[in-house]
Amino acid sequence: LLEAADRVVLRDGPKASMNAIAAEAGITKPILYRHFGDKGGLYRA
């Protein structure tokens, strides 16, 4: 999931969204939240 997030961040920079990251990972946003809590949790990771 972090590798998928990296790919989105490389493409979108600060505009990277949880929706785009979930889509890149092939999962739904609630599943992404289950792993990281929120965007702050993903950011910290």
All heavy atoms as atom14 arrays in JSON, in Angstrom:
{
  "sequence": "LLEAADRVVLRDGPKASMNAIAAEAGITKPILYRHFGDKGGLYRA",
  "atom14_mask": [
    [1, 1, 1, 1, 1, 1, 1, 1, 0, 0, 0, 0, 0, 0],
    [1, 1, 1, 1, 1, 1, 1, 1, 0, 0, 0, 0, 0, 0],
    [1, 1, 1, 1, 1, 1, 1, 1, 1, 0, 0, 0, 0, 0],
    [1, 1, 1, 1, 1, 0, 0, 0, 0, 0, 0, 0, 0, 0],
    [1, 1, 1, 1, 1, 0, 0, 0, 0, 0, 0, 0, 0, 0],
    [1, 1, 1, 1, 1, 1, 1, 1, 0, 0, 0, 0, 0, 0],
    [1, 1, 1, 1, 1, 1, 1, 1, 1, 1, 1, 0, 0, 0],
    [1, 1, 1, 1, 1, 1, 1, 0, 0, 0, 0, 0, 0, 0],
    [1, 1, 1, 1, 1, 1, 1, 0, 0, 0, 0, 0, 0, 0],
    [1, 1, 1, 1, 1, 1, 1, 1, 0, 0, 0, 0, 0, 0],
    [1, 1, 1, 1, 1, 1, 1, 1, 1, 1, 1, 0, 0, 0],
    [1, 1, 1, 1, 1, 1, 1, 1, 0, 0, 0, 0, 0, 0],
    [1, 1, 1, 1, 0, 0, 0, 0, 0, 0, 0, 0, 0, 0],
    [1, 1, 1, 1, 1, 1, 1, 0, 0, 0, 0, 0, 0, 0],
    [1, 1, 1, 1, 1, 1, 1, 1, 1, 0, 0, 0, 0, 0],
    [1, 1, 1, 1, 1, 0, 0, 0, 0, 0, 0, 0, 0, 0],
    [1, 1, 1, 1, 1, 1, 0, 0, 0, 0, 0, 0, 0, 0],
    [1, 1, 1, 1, 1, 1, 1, 1, 0, 0, 0, 0, 0, 0],
    [1, 1, 1, 1, 1, 1, 1, 1, 0, 0, 0, 0, 0, 0],
    [1, 1, 1, 1, 1, 0, 0, 0, 0, 0, 0, 0, 0, 0],
    [1, 1, 1, 1, 1, 1, 1, 1, 0, 0, 0, 0, 0, 0],
    [1, 1, 1, 1, 1, 0, 0, 0, 0, 0, 0, 0, 0, 0],
    [1, 1, 1, 1, 1, 0, 0, 0, 0, 0, 0, 0, 0, 0],
    [1, 1, 1, 1, 1, 1, 1, 1, 1, 0, 0, 0, 0, 0],
    [1, 1, 1, 1, 1, 0, 0, 0, 0, 0, 0, 0, 0, 0],
    [1, 1, 1, 1, 0, 0, 0, 0, 0, 0, 0, 0, 0, 0],
    [1, 1, 1, 1, 1, 1, 1, 1, 0, 0, 0, 0, 0, 0],
    [1, 1, 1, 1, 1, 1, 1, 0, 0, 0, 0, 0, 0, 0],
    [1, 1, 1, 1, 1, 1, 1, 1, 1, 0, 0, 0, 0, 0],
    [1, 1, 1, 1, 1, 1, 1, 0, 0, 0, 0, 0, 0, 0],
    [1, 1, 1, 1, 1, 1, 1, 1, 0, 0, 0, 0, 0, 0],
    [1, 1, 1, 1, 1, 1, 1, 1, 0, 0, 0, 0, 0, 0],
    [1, 1, 1, 1, 1, 1, 1, 1, 1, 1, 1, 1, 0, 0],
    [1, 1, 1, 1, 1, 1, 1, 1, 1, 1, 1, 0, 0, 0],
    [1, 1, 1, 1, 1, 1, 1, 1, 1, 1, 0, 0, 0, 0],
    [1, 1, 1, 1, 1, 1, 1, 1, 1, 1, 1, 0, 0, 0],
    [1, 1, 1, 1, 0, 0, 0, 0, 0, 0, 0, 0, 0, 0],
    [1, 1, 1, 1, 1, 1, 1, 1, 0, 0, 0, 0, 0, 0],
    [1, 1, 1, 1, 1, 1, 1, 1, 1, 0, 0, 0, 0, 0],
    [1, 1, 1, 1, 0, 0, 0, 0, 0, 0, 0, 0, 0, 0],
    [1, 1, 1, 1, 0, 0, 0, 0, 0, 0, 0, 0, 0, 0],
    [1, 1, 1, 1, 1, 1, 1, 1, 0, 0, 0, 0, 0, 0],
    [1, 1, 1, 1, 1, 1, 1, 1, 1, 1, 1, 1, 0, 0],
    [1, 1, 1, 1, 1, 1, 1, 1, 1, 1, 1, 0, 0, 0],
    [1, 1, 1, 1, 1, 0, 0, 0, 0, 0, 0, 0, 0, 0]
  ],
  "atom14_positions": [
    [[0.83, -1.21, 0.0], [0.0, 0.0, 0.0], [0.86, 1.26, 0.0], [0.54, 2.25, -0.67], [-0.94, -0.01, 1.2], [-2.02, -1.09, 1.2], [-2.83, -1.04, 2.49], [-2.94, -0.94, -0.01], [0.0, 0.0, 0.0], [0.0, 0.0, 0.0], [0.0, 0.0, 0.0], [0.0, 0.0, 0.0], [0.0, 0.0, 0.0], [0.0, 0.0, 0.0]],
    [[1.98, 1.23, 0.74], [2.88, 2.38, 0.74], [3.54, 2.57, -0.63], [3.75, 3.7, -1.07], [3.94, 2.21, 1.82], [3.47, 2.42, 3.27], [4.58, 2.07, 4.25], [3.01, 3.87, 3.48], [0.0, 0.0, 0.0], [0.0, 0.0, 0.0], [0.0, 0.0, 0.0], [0.0, 0.0, 0.0], [0.0, 0.0, 0.0], [0.0, 0.0, 0.0]],
    [[3.84, 1.46, -1.29], [4.4, 1.57, -2.63], [3.38, 2.16, -3.6], [3.73, 2.97, -4.48], [4.88, 0.19, -3.1], [6.13, -0.28, -2.38], [6.49, -1.71, -2.69], [5.7, -2.4, -3.39], [7.55, -2.16, -2.22], [0.0, 0.0, 0.0], [0.0, 0.0, 0.0], [0.0, 0.0, 0.0], [0.0, 0.0, 0.0], [0.0, 0.0, 0.0]],
    [[2.12, 1.78, -3.46], [1.06, 2.37, -4.28], [0.92, 3.86, -3.98], [0.77, 4.69, -4.89], [-0.27, 1.65, -4.04], [0.0, 0.0, 0.0], [0.0, 0.0, 0.0], [0.0, 0.0, 0.0], [0.0, 0.0, 0.0], [0.0, 0.0, 0.0], [0.0, 0.0, 0.0], [0.0, 0.0, 0.0], [0.0, 0.0, 0.0], [0.0, 0.0, 0.0]],
    [[0.98, 4.22, -2.69], [0.91, 5.63, -2.3], [2.07, 6.4, -2.89], [1.91, 7.54, -3.37], [0.89, 5.75, -0.78], [0.0, 0.0, 0.0], [0.0, 0.0, 0.0], [0.0, 0.0, 0.0], [0.0, 0.0, 0.0], [0.0, 0.0, 0.0], [0.0, 0.0, 0.0], [0.0, 0.0, 0.0], [0.0, 0.0, 0.0], [0.0, 0.0, 0.0]],
    [[3.27, 5.81, -2.87], [4.45, 6.46, -3.45], [4.23, 6.77, -4.94], [4.6, 7.84, -5.42], [5.67, 5.56, -3.31], [6.59, 6.02, -2.19], [6.47, 7.17, -1.74], [7.44, 5.22, -1.76], [0.0, 0.0, 0.0], [0.0, 0.0, 0.0], [0.0, 0.0, 0.0], [0.0, 0.0, 0.0], [0.0, 0.0, 0.0], [0.0, 0.0, 0.0]],
    [[3.65, 5.82, -5.66], [3.43, 6.03, -7.09], [2.47, 7.2, -7.32], [2.68, 8.01, -8.24], [2.89, 4.76, -7.74], [3.89, 3.6, -7.78], [3.44, 2.47, -8.69], [2.23, 1.81, -8.21], [2.23, 0.77, -7.37], [3.38, 0.29, -6.9], [1.09, 0.2, -7.0], [0.0, 0.0, 0.0], [0.0, 0.0, 0.0], [0.0, 0.0, 0.0]],
    [[1.43, 7.28, -6.51], [0.48, 8.38, -6.66], [1.13, 9.71, -6.28], [0.94, 10.73, -6.95], [-0.78, 8.14, -5.79], [-1.71, 9.34, -5.84], [-1.51, 6.89, -6.28], [0.0, 0.0, 0.0], [0.0, 0.0, 0.0], [0.0, 0.0, 0.0], [0.0, 0.0, 0.0], [0.0, 0.0, 0.0], [0.0, 0.0, 0.0], [0.0, 0.0, 0.0]],
    [[1.91, 9.72, -5.21], [2.58, 10.95, -4.78], [3.58, 11.41, -5.84], [3.69, 12.61, -6.12], [3.28, 10.74, -3.42], [4.17, 11.93, -3.09], [2.24, 10.55, -2.32], [0.0, 0.0, 0.0], [0.0, 0.0, 0.0], [0.0, 0.0, 0.0], [0.0, 0.0, 0.0], [0.0, 0.0, 0.0], [0.0, 0.0, 0.0], [0.0, 0.0, 0.0]],
    [[4.29, 10.48, -6.45], [5.22, 10.85, -7.53], [4.49, 11.49, -8.7], [5.02, 12.37, -9.38], [5.98, 9.61, -8.01], [7.17, 9.17, -7.16], [7.69, 7.81, -7.63], [8.29, 10.2, -7.24], [0.0, 0.0, 0.0], [0.0, 0.0, 0.0], [0.0, 0.0, 0.0], [0.0, 0.0, 0.0], [0.0, 0.0, 0.0], [0.0, 0.0, 0.0]],
    [[3.25, 11.07, -8.92], [2.46, 11.61, -10.02], [1.76, 12.91, -9.64], [1.76, 13.87, -10.41], [1.41, 10.56, -10.43], [0.58, 10.96, -11.66], [-0.53, 9.96, -11.88], [-1.58, 10.07, -10.86], [-2.22, 9.02, -10.34], [-1.92, 7.78, -10.71], [-3.16, 9.2, -9.42], [0.0, 0.0, 0.0], [0.0, 0.0, 0.0], [0.0, 0.0, 0.0]],
    [[1.18, 12.96, -8.44], [0.29, 14.06, -8.07], [0.87, 15.04, -7.05], [0.31, 16.1, -6.83], [-1.02, 13.51, -7.5], [-1.78, 12.66, -8.51], [-1.49, 12.79, -9.72], [-2.63, 11.87, -8.09], [0.0, 0.0, 0.0], [0.0, 0.0, 0.0], [0.0, 0.0, 0.0], [0.0, 0.0, 0.0], [0.0, 0.0, 0.0], [0.0, 0.0, 0.0]],
    [[1.96, 14.68, -6.4], [2.56, 15.56, -5.4], [1.61, 15.83, -4.25], [0.91, 14.92, -3.79], [0.0, 0.0, 0.0], [0.0, 0.0, 0.0], [0.0, 0.0, 0.0], [0.0, 0.0, 0.0], [0.0, 0.0, 0.0], [0.0, 0.0, 0.0], [0.0, 0.0, 0.0], [0.0, 0.0, 0.0], [0.0, 0.0, 0.0], [0.0, 0.0, 0.0]],
    [[1.56, 17.08, -3.76], [0.71, 17.41, -2.61], [-0.78, 17.17, -2.85], [-1.55, 17.11, -1.9], [0.99, 18.9, -2.39], [2.29, 19.16, -3.04], [2.35, 18.24, -4.21], [0.0, 0.0, 0.0], [0.0, 0.0, 0.0], [0.0, 0.0, 0.0], [0.0, 0.0, 0.0], [0.0, 0.0, 0.0], [0.0, 0.0, 0.0], [0.0, 0.0, 0.0]],
    [[-1.19, 17.04, -4.11], [-2.6, 16.82, -4.41], [-3.01, 15.34, -4.29], [-4.18, 15.01, -4.48], [-2.92, 17.3, -5.83], [-2.69, 18.8, -6.04], [-2.98, 19.18, -7.48], [-2.65, 20.65, -7.74], [-2.89, 21.02, -9.15], [0.0, 0.0, 0.0], [0.0, 0.0, 0.0], [0.0, 0.0, 0.0], [0.0, 0.0, 0.0], [0.0, 0.0, 0.0]],
    [[-2.05, 14.48, -3.97], [-2.37, 13.05, -3.84], [-3.49, 12.84, -2.84], [-3.44, 13.34, -1.72], [-1.13, 12.28, -3.41], [0.0, 0.0, 0.0], [0.0, 0.0, 0.0], [0.0, 0.0, 0.0], [0.0, 0.0, 0.0], [0.0, 0.0, 0.0], [0.0, 0.0, 0.0], [0.0, 0.0, 0.0], [0.0, 0.0, 0.0], [0.0, 0.0, 0.0]],
    [[-4.53, 12.13, -3.25], [-5.7, 11.92, -2.39], [-5.81, 10.47, -1.97], [-5.25, 9.56, -2.6], [-6.97, 12.32, -3.15], [-7.23, 11.41, -4.2], [0.0, 0.0, 0.0], [0.0, 0.0, 0.0], [0.0, 0.0, 0.0], [0.0, 0.0, 0.0], [0.0, 0.0, 0.0], [0.0, 0.0, 0.0], [0.0, 0.0, 0.0], [0.0, 0.0, 0.0]],
    [[-6.54, 10.26, -0.89], [-6.78, 8.89, -0.43], [-7.55, 8.1, -1.49], [-7.32, 6.9, -1.67], [-7.54, 8.91, 0.89], [-6.79, 9.55, 2.04], [-5.37, 8.58, 2.6], [-6.15, 7.47, 3.78], [0.0, 0.0, 0.0], [0.0, 0.0, 0.0], [0.0, 0.0, 0.0], [0.0, 0.0, 0.0], [0.0, 0.0, 0.0], [0.0, 0.0, 0.0]],
    [[-8.47, 8.74, -2.2], [-9.22, 8.07, -3.26], [-8.28, 7.56, -4.34], [-8.39, 6.41, -4.8], [-10.24, 9.03, -3.89], [-11.5, 9.16, -3.05], [-11.89, 8.23, -2.36], [-12.13, 10.32, -3.09], [0.0, 0.0, 0.0], [0.0, 0.0, 0.0], [0.0, 0.0, 0.0], [0.0, 0.0, 0.0], [0.0, 0.0, 0.0], [0.0, 0.0, 0.0]],
    [[-7.34, 8.43, -4.77], [-6.41, 8.04, -5.83], [-5.48, 6.93, -5.37], [-5.16, 6.01, -6.13], [-5.6, 9.26, -6.28], [0.0, 0.0, 0.0], [0.0, 0.0, 0.0], [0.0, 0.0, 0.0], [0.0, 0.0, 0.0], [0.0, 0.0, 0.0], [0.0, 0.0, 0.0], [0.0, 0.0, 0.0], [0.0, 0.0, 0.0], [0.0, 0.0, 0.0]],
    [[-5.05, 7.0, -4.12], [-4.16, 5.96, -3.59], [-4.89, 4.62, -3.48], [-4.34, 3.57, -3.84], [-3.59, 6.41, -2.23], [-2.64, 7.6, -2.43], [-2.85, 5.26, -1.54], [-2.24, 8.31, -1.16], [0.0, 0.0, 0.0], [0.0, 0.0, 0.0], [0.0, 0.0, 0.0], [0.0, 0.0, 0.0], [0.0, 0.0, 0.0], [0.0, 0.0, 0.0]],
    [[-6.13, 4.66, -3.0], [-6.92, 3.43, -2.91], [-7.12, 2.82, -4.3], [-6.99, 1.6, -4.48], [-8.26, 3.71, -2.25], [0.0, 0.0, 0.0], [0.0, 0.0, 0.0], [0.0, 0.0, 0.0], [0.0, 0.0, 0.0], [0.0, 0.0, 0.0], [0.0, 0.0, 0.0], [0.0, 0.0, 0.0], [0.0, 0.0, 0.0], [0.0, 0.0, 0.0]],
    [[-7.41, 3.66, -5.29], [-7.6, 3.17, -6.66], [-6.32, 2.55, -7.2], [-6.34, 1.5, -7.84], [-8.07, 4.31, -7.56], [0.0, 0.0, 0.0], [0.0, 0.0, 0.0], [0.0, 0.0, 0.0], [0.0, 0.0, 0.0], [0.0, 0.0, 0.0], [0.0, 0.0, 0.0], [0.0, 0.0, 0.0], [0.0, 0.0, 0.0], [0.0, 0.0, 0.0]],
    [[-5.19, 3.21, -6.93], [-3.91, 2.69, -7.4], [-3.61, 1.33, -6.77], [-3.04, 0.44, -7.43], [-2.79, 3.68, -7.04], [-1.38, 3.23, -7.38], [-1.11, 3.2, -8.88], [-1.82, 3.89, -9.64], [-0.2, 2.46, -9.29], [0.0, 0.0, 0.0], [0.0, 0.0, 0.0], [0.0, 0.0, 0.0], [0.0, 0.0, 0.0], [0.0, 0.0, 0.0]],
    [[-4.0, 1.16, -5.51], [-3.76, -0.1, -4.81], [-4.8, -1.16, -5.14], [-4.65, -2.32, -4.74], [-3.74, 0.14, -3.3], [0.0, 0.0, 0.0], [0.0, 0.0, 0.0], [0.0, 0.0, 0.0], [0.0, 0.0, 0.0], [0.0, 0.0, 0.0], [0.0, 0.0, 0.0], [0.0, 0.0, 0.0], [0.0, 0.0, 0.0], [0.0, 0.0, 0.0]],
    [[-5.87, -0.77, -5.84], [-6.92, -1.73, -6.19], [-7.81, -2.11, -5.03], [-8.31, -3.24, -4.96], [0.0, 0.0, 0.0], [0.0, 0.0, 0.0], [0.0, 0.0, 0.0], [0.0, 0.0, 0.0], [0.0, 0.0, 0.0], [0.0, 0.0, 0.0], [0.0, 0.0, 0.0], [0.0, 0.0, 0.0], [0.0, 0.0, 0.0], [0.0, 0.0, 0.0]],
    [[-8.0, -1.15, -4.1], [-8.84, -1.4, -2.93], [-9.8, -0.24, -2.77], [-9.74, 0.75, -3.51], [-8.01, -1.56, -1.64], [-7.2, -0.27, -1.39], [-7.1, -2.78, -1.72], [-6.46, -0.28, -0.07], [0.0, 0.0, 0.0], [0.0, 0.0, 0.0], [0.0, 0.0, 0.0], [0.0, 0.0, 0.0], [0.0, 0.0, 0.0], [0.0, 0.0, 0.0]],
    [[-10.72, -0.36, -1.81], [-11.62, 0.75, -1.51], [-10.99, 1.64, -0.44], [-10.1, 1.22, 0.3], [-12.97, 0.23, -0.99], [-12.75, -0.49, 0.23], [-13.64, -0.67, -2.03], [0.0, 0.0, 0.0], [0.0, 0.0, 0.0], [0.0, 0.0, 0.0], [0.0, 0.0, 0.0], [0.0, 0.0, 0.0], [0.0, 0.0, 0.0], [0.0, 0.0, 0.0]],
    [[-11.47, 2.87, -0.35], [-10.91, 3.8, 0.62], [-11.1, 3.32, 2.06], [-10.19, 3.48, 2.89], [-11.48, 5.21, 0.43], [-10.7, 6.25, 1.2], [-10.87, 7.66, 0.67], [-12.23, 8.22, 0.97], [-12.3, 9.69, 0.71], [0.0, 0.0, 0.0], [0.0, 0.0, 0.0], [0.0, 0.0, 0.0], [0.0, 0.0, 0.0], [0.0, 0.0, 0.0]],
    [[-12.24, 2.7, 2.42], [-12.36, 2.19, 3.79], [-11.27, 1.18, 4.18], [-10.83, 1.16, 5.33], [-13.75, 1.54, 3.8], [-14.52, 2.31, 2.78], [-13.53, 2.61, 1.69], [0.0, 0.0, 0.0], [0.0, 0.0, 0.0], [0.0, 0.0, 0.0], [0.0, 0.0, 0.0], [0.0, 0.0, 0.0], [0.0, 0.0, 0.0], [0.0, 0.0, 0.0]],
    [[-10.84, 0.38, 3.2], [-9.76, -0.57, 3.49], [-8.45, 0.18, 3.75], [-7.67, -0.17, 4.64], [-9.59, -1.59, 2.35], [-10.84, -2.47, 2.25], [-8.34, -2.45, 2.55], [-10.82, -3.44, 1.09], [0.0, 0.0, 0.0], [0.0, 0.0, 0.0], [0.0, 0.0, 0.0], [0.0, 0.0, 0.0], [0.0, 0.0, 0.0], [0.0, 0.0, 0.0]],
    [[-8.22, 1.24, 2.96], [-7.03, 2.06, 3.17], [-7.06, 2.7, 4.55], [-6.04, 2.72, 5.27], [-6.94, 3.13, 2.08], [-5.63, 3.92, 1.98], [-4.45, 3.01, 1.69], [-5.75, 4.99, 0.88], [0.0, 0.0, 0.0], [0.0, 0.0, 0.0], [0.0, 0.0, 0.0], [0.0, 0.0, 0.0], [0.0, 0.0, 0.0], [0.0, 0.0, 0.0]],
    [[-8.23, 3.19, 4.95], [-8.38, 3.77, 6.29], [-8.12, 2.72, 7.38], [-7.6, 3.04, 8.45], [-9.79, 4.35, 6.46], [-9.97, 5.71, 5.85], [-11.06, 5.96, 5.01], [-9.09, 6.74, 6.11], [-11.24, 7.22, 4.44], [-9.27, 8.0, 5.55], [-10.34, 8.24, 4.71], [-10.51, 9.48, 4.16], [0.0, 0.0, 0.0], [0.0, 0.0, 0.0]],
    [[-8.5, 1.49, 7.1], [-8.3, 0.43, 8.09], [-6.82, 0.23, 8.38], [-6.43, -0.1, 9.5], [-8.92, -0.88, 7.57], [-8.98, -1.99, 8.61], [-9.53, -3.26, 7.97], [-10.8, -3.03, 7.28], [-11.27, -3.79, 6.29], [-10.55, -4.83, 5.87], [-12.43, -3.52, 5.71], [0.0, 0.0, 0.0], [0.0, 0.0, 0.0], [0.0, 0.0, 0.0]],
    [[-5.98, 0.42, 7.37], [-4.54, 0.25, 7.55], [-3.86, 1.48, 8.15], [-2.9, 1.34, 8.9], [-3.88, -0.08, 6.2], [-4.09, -1.49, 5.75], [-3.26, -2.52, 6.11], [-5.06, -2.03, 4.96], [-3.68, -3.64, 5.57], [-4.77, -3.38, 4.86], [0.0, 0.0, 0.0], [0.0, 0.0, 0.0], [0.0, 0.0, 0.0], [0.0, 0.0, 0.0]],
    [[-4.33, 2.69, 7.8], [-3.6, 3.91, 8.19], [-4.43, 4.88, 9.02], [-3.88, 5.85, 9.54], [-3.07, 4.63, 6.94], [-2.11, 3.8, 6.15], [-2.51, 3.18, 4.97], [-0.8, 3.63, 6.58], [-1.61, 2.41, 4.24], [0.1, 2.86, 5.85], [-0.31, 2.24, 4.68], [0.0, 0.0, 0.0], [0.0, 0.0, 0.0], [0.0, 0.0, 0.0]],
    [[-5.73, 4.67, 9.13], [-6.58, 5.55, 9.93], [-7.11, 6.73, 9.15], [-8.31, 6.86, 8.96], [0.0, 0.0, 0.0], [0.0, 0.0, 0.0], [0.0, 0.0, 0.0], [0.0, 0.0, 0.0], [0.0, 0.0, 0.0], [0.0, 0.0, 0.0], [0.0, 0.0, 0.0], [0.0, 0.0, 0.0], [0.0, 0.0, 0.0], [0.0, 0.0, 0.0]],
    [[-6.21, 7.59, 8.67], [-6.59, 8.77, 7.88], [-5.39, 9.21, 7.08], [-4.35, 8.54, 7.07], [-7.12, 9.89, 8.79], [-6.11, 10.31, 9.85], [-4.93, 9.92, 9.75], [-6.51, 11.02, 10.79], [0.0, 0.0, 0.0], [0.0, 0.0, 0.0], [0.0, 0.0, 0.0], [0.0, 0.0, 0.0], [0.0, 0.0, 0.0], [0.0, 0.0, 0.0]],
    [[-5.5, 10.36, 6.42], [-4.38, 10.82, 5.61], [-3.16, 11.13, 6.48], [-2.02, 10.95, 6.05], [-4.76, 12.04, 4.78], [-3.72, 12.37, 3.71], [-4.16, 13.51, 2.81], [-3.12, 13.75, 1.72], [-3.47, 14.88, 0.85], [0.0, 0.0, 0.0], [0.0, 0.0, 0.0], [0.0, 0.0, 0.0], [0.0, 0.0, 0.0], [0.0, 0.0, 0.0]],
    [[-3.41, 11.6, 7.7], [-2.3, 11.84, 8.61], [-1.52, 10.58, 8.93], [-0.29, 10.58, 8.99], [0.0, 0.0, 0.0], [0.0, 0.0, 0.0], [0.0, 0.0, 0.0], [0.0, 0.0, 0.0], [0.0, 0.0, 0.0], [0.0, 0.0, 0.0], [0.0, 0.0, 0.0], [0.0, 0.0, 0.0], [0.0, 0.0, 0.0], [0.0, 0.0, 0.0]],
    [[-2.23, 9.46, 9.12], [-1.57, 8.19, 9.38], [-0.76, 7.72, 8.19], [0.36, 7.21, 8.34], [0.0, 0.0, 0.0], [0.0, 0.0, 0.0], [0.0, 0.0, 0.0], [0.0, 0.0, 0.0], [0.0, 0.0, 0.0], [0.0, 0.0, 0.0], [0.0, 0.0, 0.0], [0.0, 0.0, 0.0], [0.0, 0.0, 0.0], [0.0, 0.0, 0.0]],
    [[-1.33, 7.88, 7.0], [-0.6, 7.52, 5.79], [0.62, 8.41, 5.62], [1.71, 7.95, 5.27], [-1.53, 7.64, 4.57], [-0.89, 7.36, 3.21], [-0.38, 5.93, 3.14], [-1.89, 7.64, 2.09], [0.0, 0.0, 0.0], [0.0, 0.0, 0.0], [0.0, 0.0, 0.0], [0.0, 0.0, 0.0], [0.0, 0.0, 0.0], [0.0, 0.0, 0.0]],
    [[0.45, 9.7, 5.88], [1.56, 10.65, 5.78], [2.7, 10.21, 6.7], [3.86, 10.18, 6.3], [1.09, 12.06, 6.15], [2.21, 13.06, 6.23], [2.5, 13.89, 5.15], [3.01, 13.15, 7.36], [3.54, 14.78, 5.22], [4.05, 14.04, 7.43], [4.32, 14.86, 6.35], [5.37, 15.74, 6.43], [0.0, 0.0, 0.0], [0.0, 0.0, 0.0]],
    [[2.37, 9.89, 7.95], [3.42, 9.51, 8.9], [4.15, 8.25, 8.45], [5.38, 8.14, 8.6], [2.81, 9.3, 10.29], [2.42, 10.6, 10.97], [2.0, 10.38, 12.41], [0.76, 9.61, 12.53], [-0.45, 10.16, 12.5], [-0.59, 11.46, 12.34], [-1.52, 9.4, 12.63], [0.0, 0.0, 0.0], [0.0, 0.0, 0.0], [0.0, 0.0, 0.0]],
    [[3.42, 7.3, 7.88], [4.05, 6.08, 7.39], [4.98, 6.37, 6.21], [6.09, 5.85, 6.13], [2.99, 5.06, 6.98], [0.0, 0.0, 0.0], [0.0, 0.0, 0.0], [0.0, 0.0, 0.0], [0.0, 0.0, 0.0], [0.0, 0.0, 0.0], [0.0, 0.0, 0.0], [0.0, 0.0, 0.0], [0.0, 0.0, 0.0], [0.0, 0.0, 0.0]]
  ]
}
